Structure formats: C-alpha cells, structure tokens
Protein backbone atom coordinates (compact mmCIF):
# COMPACT_ATOMS: atom_id res chain seq x y z
CA GLY A 1 1.54 32.45 8.08
CA ARG A 2 1.93 29.40 10.65
CA ILE A 3 -1.30 27.54 10.75
CA VAL A 4 -1.57 26.05 14.29
CA MET A 5 -2.85 22.67 14.14
CA LYS A 6 -5.18 21.37 17.02
CA MET A 7 -6.31 17.69 17.38
CA ASP A 8 -8.61 16.51 20.40
CA VAL A 9 -7.18 13.49 22.43
CA GLN A 10 -9.48 10.80 22.92
CA THR A 11 -9.93 8.09 25.56
CA LEU A 12 -10.26 4.37 24.59
CA ASP A 13 -14.02 4.72 25.05
CA ALA A 14 -14.11 7.61 22.55
CA LYS A 15 -14.34 10.32 24.93
CA LYS A 16 -12.81 13.76 24.65
CA SER A 17 -9.84 14.27 26.89
CA GLY A 18 -8.16 17.79 25.96
CA SER A 19 -6.43 18.54 22.84
CA VAL A 20 -2.81 18.79 21.67
CA THR A 21 -1.03 20.92 19.16
CA LEU A 22 0.60 19.16 16.38
CA ASP A 23 4.09 20.37 15.09
CA ASP A 24 4.00 21.94 11.87
CA GLY A 25 7.15 20.92 10.86
CA VAL A 26 6.03 17.42 11.17
CA PHE A 27 2.11 17.46 10.36
CA GLY A 28 1.75 20.57 8.29
CA LEU A 29 3.83 19.76 5.34
CA GLU A 30 2.09 19.59 1.73
CA PRO A 31 2.87 16.04 1.02
CA ARG A 32 5.06 15.36 -2.03
CA LYS A 33 4.35 12.31 -4.08
CA ASP A 34 7.58 11.73 -5.24
CA ILE A 35 9.48 11.24 -1.70
CA LEU A 36 6.64 8.73 -0.67
CA HIS A 37 7.00 7.29 -3.84
CA ARG A 38 11.03 6.81 -2.98
CA MET A 39 10.46 5.38 0.51
CA VAL A 40 7.61 2.71 -0.77
CA ARG A 41 10.02 1.41 -3.68
CA PHE A 42 12.97 1.48 -1.01
CA GLN A 43 10.75 -0.55 1.55
CA LEU A 44 9.44 -2.93 -1.33
CA ALA A 45 12.74 -3.45 -2.70
CA LYS A 46 14.00 -4.21 0.61
CA ARG A 47 11.74 -7.13 1.38
CA GLN A 48 11.92 -8.64 -2.11
CA ALA A 49 13.21 -12.11 -1.55
CA GLY A 50 15.45 -12.34 -4.46
CA THR A 51 15.82 -16.18 -4.37
CA HIS A 52 15.37 -16.77 -8.03
CA GLN A 53 18.26 -18.45 -9.81
CA VAL A 54 18.83 -20.37 -13.19
CA GLN A 55 22.01 -22.13 -14.40
CA GLU A 56 24.36 -20.26 -16.50
CA ARG A 57 27.12 -21.57 -18.41
CA GLY A 58 29.51 -22.23 -15.61
CA ASP A 59 26.65 -24.20 -13.50
CA VAL A 60 25.69 -26.73 -16.16
CA SER A 61 27.22 -29.89 -15.73
CA LYS A 62 28.28 -30.71 -19.09
CA THR A 63 31.77 -31.69 -20.67
CA THR A 64 33.91 -29.00 -21.48
CA LYS A 65 35.52 -31.19 -24.48
CA ARG A 66 35.48 -29.59 -28.04
CA ILE A 67 32.08 -30.09 -29.82
CA GLY A 68 33.18 -31.38 -33.32
CA ARG A 69 36.73 -30.22 -34.62
CA GLN A 70 37.86 -26.83 -35.43
CA LYS A 71 38.31 -27.40 -39.09
CA GLY A 72 36.85 -29.65 -41.52
CA GLY A 73 33.61 -30.05 -40.32
CA GLY A 74 31.52 -27.90 -42.59
CA THR A 75 29.57 -26.34 -39.71
CA ALA A 76 30.23 -23.50 -37.17
CA ARG A 77 33.46 -23.69 -34.78
CA HIS A 78 31.99 -24.52 -31.58
CA GLY A 79 33.93 -24.81 -28.34
CA ASN A 80 32.00 -26.58 -25.39
CA GLY A 81 28.14 -27.47 -25.04
CA SER A 82 27.37 -25.32 -21.93
CA VAL A 83 26.60 -22.38 -24.09
CA SER A 84 23.04 -21.18 -24.72
CA GLN A 85 22.43 -22.11 -28.06
CA PHE A 86 22.74 -25.82 -27.61
CA ARG A 87 20.13 -27.98 -25.95
CA GLY A 88 20.90 -28.60 -22.26
CA GLY A 89 23.17 -25.43 -22.22
CA GLY A 90 22.77 -22.86 -19.62
CA LYS A 91 20.89 -19.45 -20.08
CA ALA A 92 22.65 -16.39 -21.04
CA HIS A 93 22.43 -13.52 -18.05
CA GLY A 94 19.55 -15.40 -16.21
CA PRO A 95 18.40 -14.40 -12.75
CA ARG A 96 20.78 -14.75 -9.92
CA VAL A 97 20.37 -15.02 -6.18
CA ARG A 98 20.74 -11.43 -4.82
CA SER A 99 19.28 -8.64 -2.73
CA HIS A 100 17.25 -5.95 -4.42
CA ALA A 101 17.42 -3.70 -1.60
CA PHE A 102 19.47 -0.31 -2.29
CA ASP A 103 20.13 2.84 0.13
CA LEU A 104 18.14 5.84 0.82
CA PRO A 105 19.57 8.34 2.84
CA LYS A 106 18.33 8.54 6.34
CA LYS A 107 17.34 12.36 5.84
CA VAL A 108 14.89 11.38 3.07
CA ARG A 109 13.46 8.59 5.16
CA ALA A 110 12.83 10.91 7.81
CA LEU A 111 11.37 13.60 5.65
CA ALA A 112 9.32 10.57 3.82
CA MET A 113 7.87 9.99 7.49
CA ARG A 114 6.98 13.41 8.14
CA HIS A 115 5.13 13.73 4.81
CA ALA A 116 3.17 10.42 5.42
CA LEU A 117 2.03 11.87 8.98
CA SER A 118 1.17 14.99 7.32
CA ALA A 119 -0.94 13.04 4.61
CA LYS A 120 -2.54 11.49 7.71
CA ALA A 121 -3.22 14.56 9.58
CA GLY A 122 -4.56 16.20 6.52
CA ALA A 123 -7.01 13.33 5.68
CA LYS A 124 -8.13 13.65 9.20
CA GLU A 125 -7.14 9.76 9.76
CA ILE A 126 -4.86 10.21 12.82
CA ILE A 127 -6.52 9.50 16.49
CA ILE A 128 -4.60 10.49 19.65
CA LEU A 129 -5.07 8.52 22.73
CA ASP A 130 -4.37 9.87 26.17
CA ASP A 131 -3.70 6.47 27.34
CA ALA A 132 -3.56 3.06 25.33
CA VAL A 133 -3.83 0.97 28.74
CA MET A 134 -6.33 -1.82 29.35
CA LYS A 135 -7.45 -3.08 32.62
CA ALA A 136 -7.59 -6.49 31.48
CA PRO A 137 -6.17 -8.24 28.15
CA LYS A 138 -9.40 -8.78 26.68
CA THR A 139 -9.87 -8.81 23.03
CA ALA A 140 -13.65 -8.21 22.66
CA ASP A 141 -13.47 -5.12 25.28
CA LEU A 142 -10.64 -3.60 22.64
CA ARG A 143 -12.52 -4.50 19.63
CA LYS A 144 -15.62 -2.48 21.15
CA SER A 145 -13.37 0.47 22.00
CA LEU A 146 -11.84 0.78 18.37
CA GLU A 147 -15.14 0.42 16.83
CA LYS A 148 -16.15 3.17 18.96
CA LEU A 149 -13.23 5.19 17.64
CA GLY A 150 -14.13 4.15 13.98
CA VAL A 151 -10.93 2.07 13.80
CA THR A 152 -10.95 -0.83 11.31
CA ASN A 153 -7.58 -0.55 10.07
CA GLY A 154 -4.59 0.86 11.92
CA LEU A 155 -1.05 1.19 13.18
CA ILE A 156 -0.71 1.68 16.93
CA VAL A 157 2.36 3.84 17.91
CA SER A 158 3.19 4.33 21.53
CA GLY A 159 5.92 5.28 23.69
CA ASN A 160 8.97 3.31 24.73
CA SER A 161 6.62 0.19 25.44
CA VAL A 162 3.05 -0.86 24.69
CA ASP A 163 0.95 -1.62 27.75
CA GLU A 164 1.15 -5.35 27.93
CA ASN A 165 -2.66 -5.80 28.35
CA PHE A 166 -3.33 -3.70 25.52
CA ALA A 167 -0.77 -5.46 23.26
CA ARG A 168 -2.35 -8.88 24.31
CA ALA A 169 -5.80 -8.00 23.67
CA ALA A 170 -4.66 -6.39 20.24
CA GLY A 171 -2.70 -9.39 19.35
CA ASN A 172 -5.40 -11.18 17.53
CA ILE A 173 -7.30 -8.50 15.76
CA PRO A 174 -6.73 -8.36 11.81
CA ASN A 175 -5.38 -5.20 10.32
C-alpha cells in the first residue's frame, strides 16, 4: 500500500500554516547506501584538485649522454642518467597533474537525490516553509527565526530565486 506522507508547512516564526503531501516516489524510498555512496564519491572526486606532480624521466634536466661505455666497464650497461635508480633521476610513475573526476549517469544522480531526500524525510529533517521572505535584511532576525525552527545547520532550497532580503540576512550565518 502507498503511505501518504503529510508534512506541516511552517512560517518563519515557527507557526503552522497548513500541511502538504509529499510525493512517495521522491520522499518515500528506502534509502540505498550504495547509490548514496556512489554519489558522494562522484562529488568528492570531482572537486579533488589533482595538482600534485613529480618529475619523471623525461622531465629531469640531465644530459642524455651515455654513462660510461657499453662494454668493458665491468658494471651494468647504462644509457642515460635520468632513470630512477640514479641520484637526481626521475621518479618512475609518479603523480601527474590530472582531473580525478569520473562520470556518473544522470539517472543515478537523480536517484541519489531522491534517496537523500527520502532519508531526510524519514529522519524528520525536512522543514517546509510557506514563504522564505523577510521584511528587512536583518541577520539577527533570521537567526532568531531559525532558532525557533530548531535549525543550526541547513541547506535552503527555494524556487526560481531566493528572496533578496532573506539571502542577505542569511549570508553571514555559518552552516
């Protein structure tokens, strides 16, 4: 059977103003750790800098002249001195500057989003506001409102645009 999920809509003053039905297909899923894990790995890999680099054989500025002679030296037959076993030589297969990002199918990303929202809904960590609008861009006022709602750390998702006063008031609040 389909469970109808209802949630209270609140105002910024933490008063109730009706309720809203959540879509089961978005908020009613049993969160799958593997999907969420893939999404987190994707995001972390994408933002990894990848700016580490060492010099390999071709990057070391050493002469390419032969070290010693091919025969008669009594030791190993060496070409040039930029190889890794010599002092001052390059590193074999060291790190290179590169992007660590990989692709994740859009449908998997969307599914991860739905699972994340379901997890938040299941843990009662979603607050629905009727209107995130403030009369004046005052951080102190917004902080009081958020304390009333019991929010210390959150992500605010609005429609096409966020109310300017609200955005300005929120700009200086950590988390």
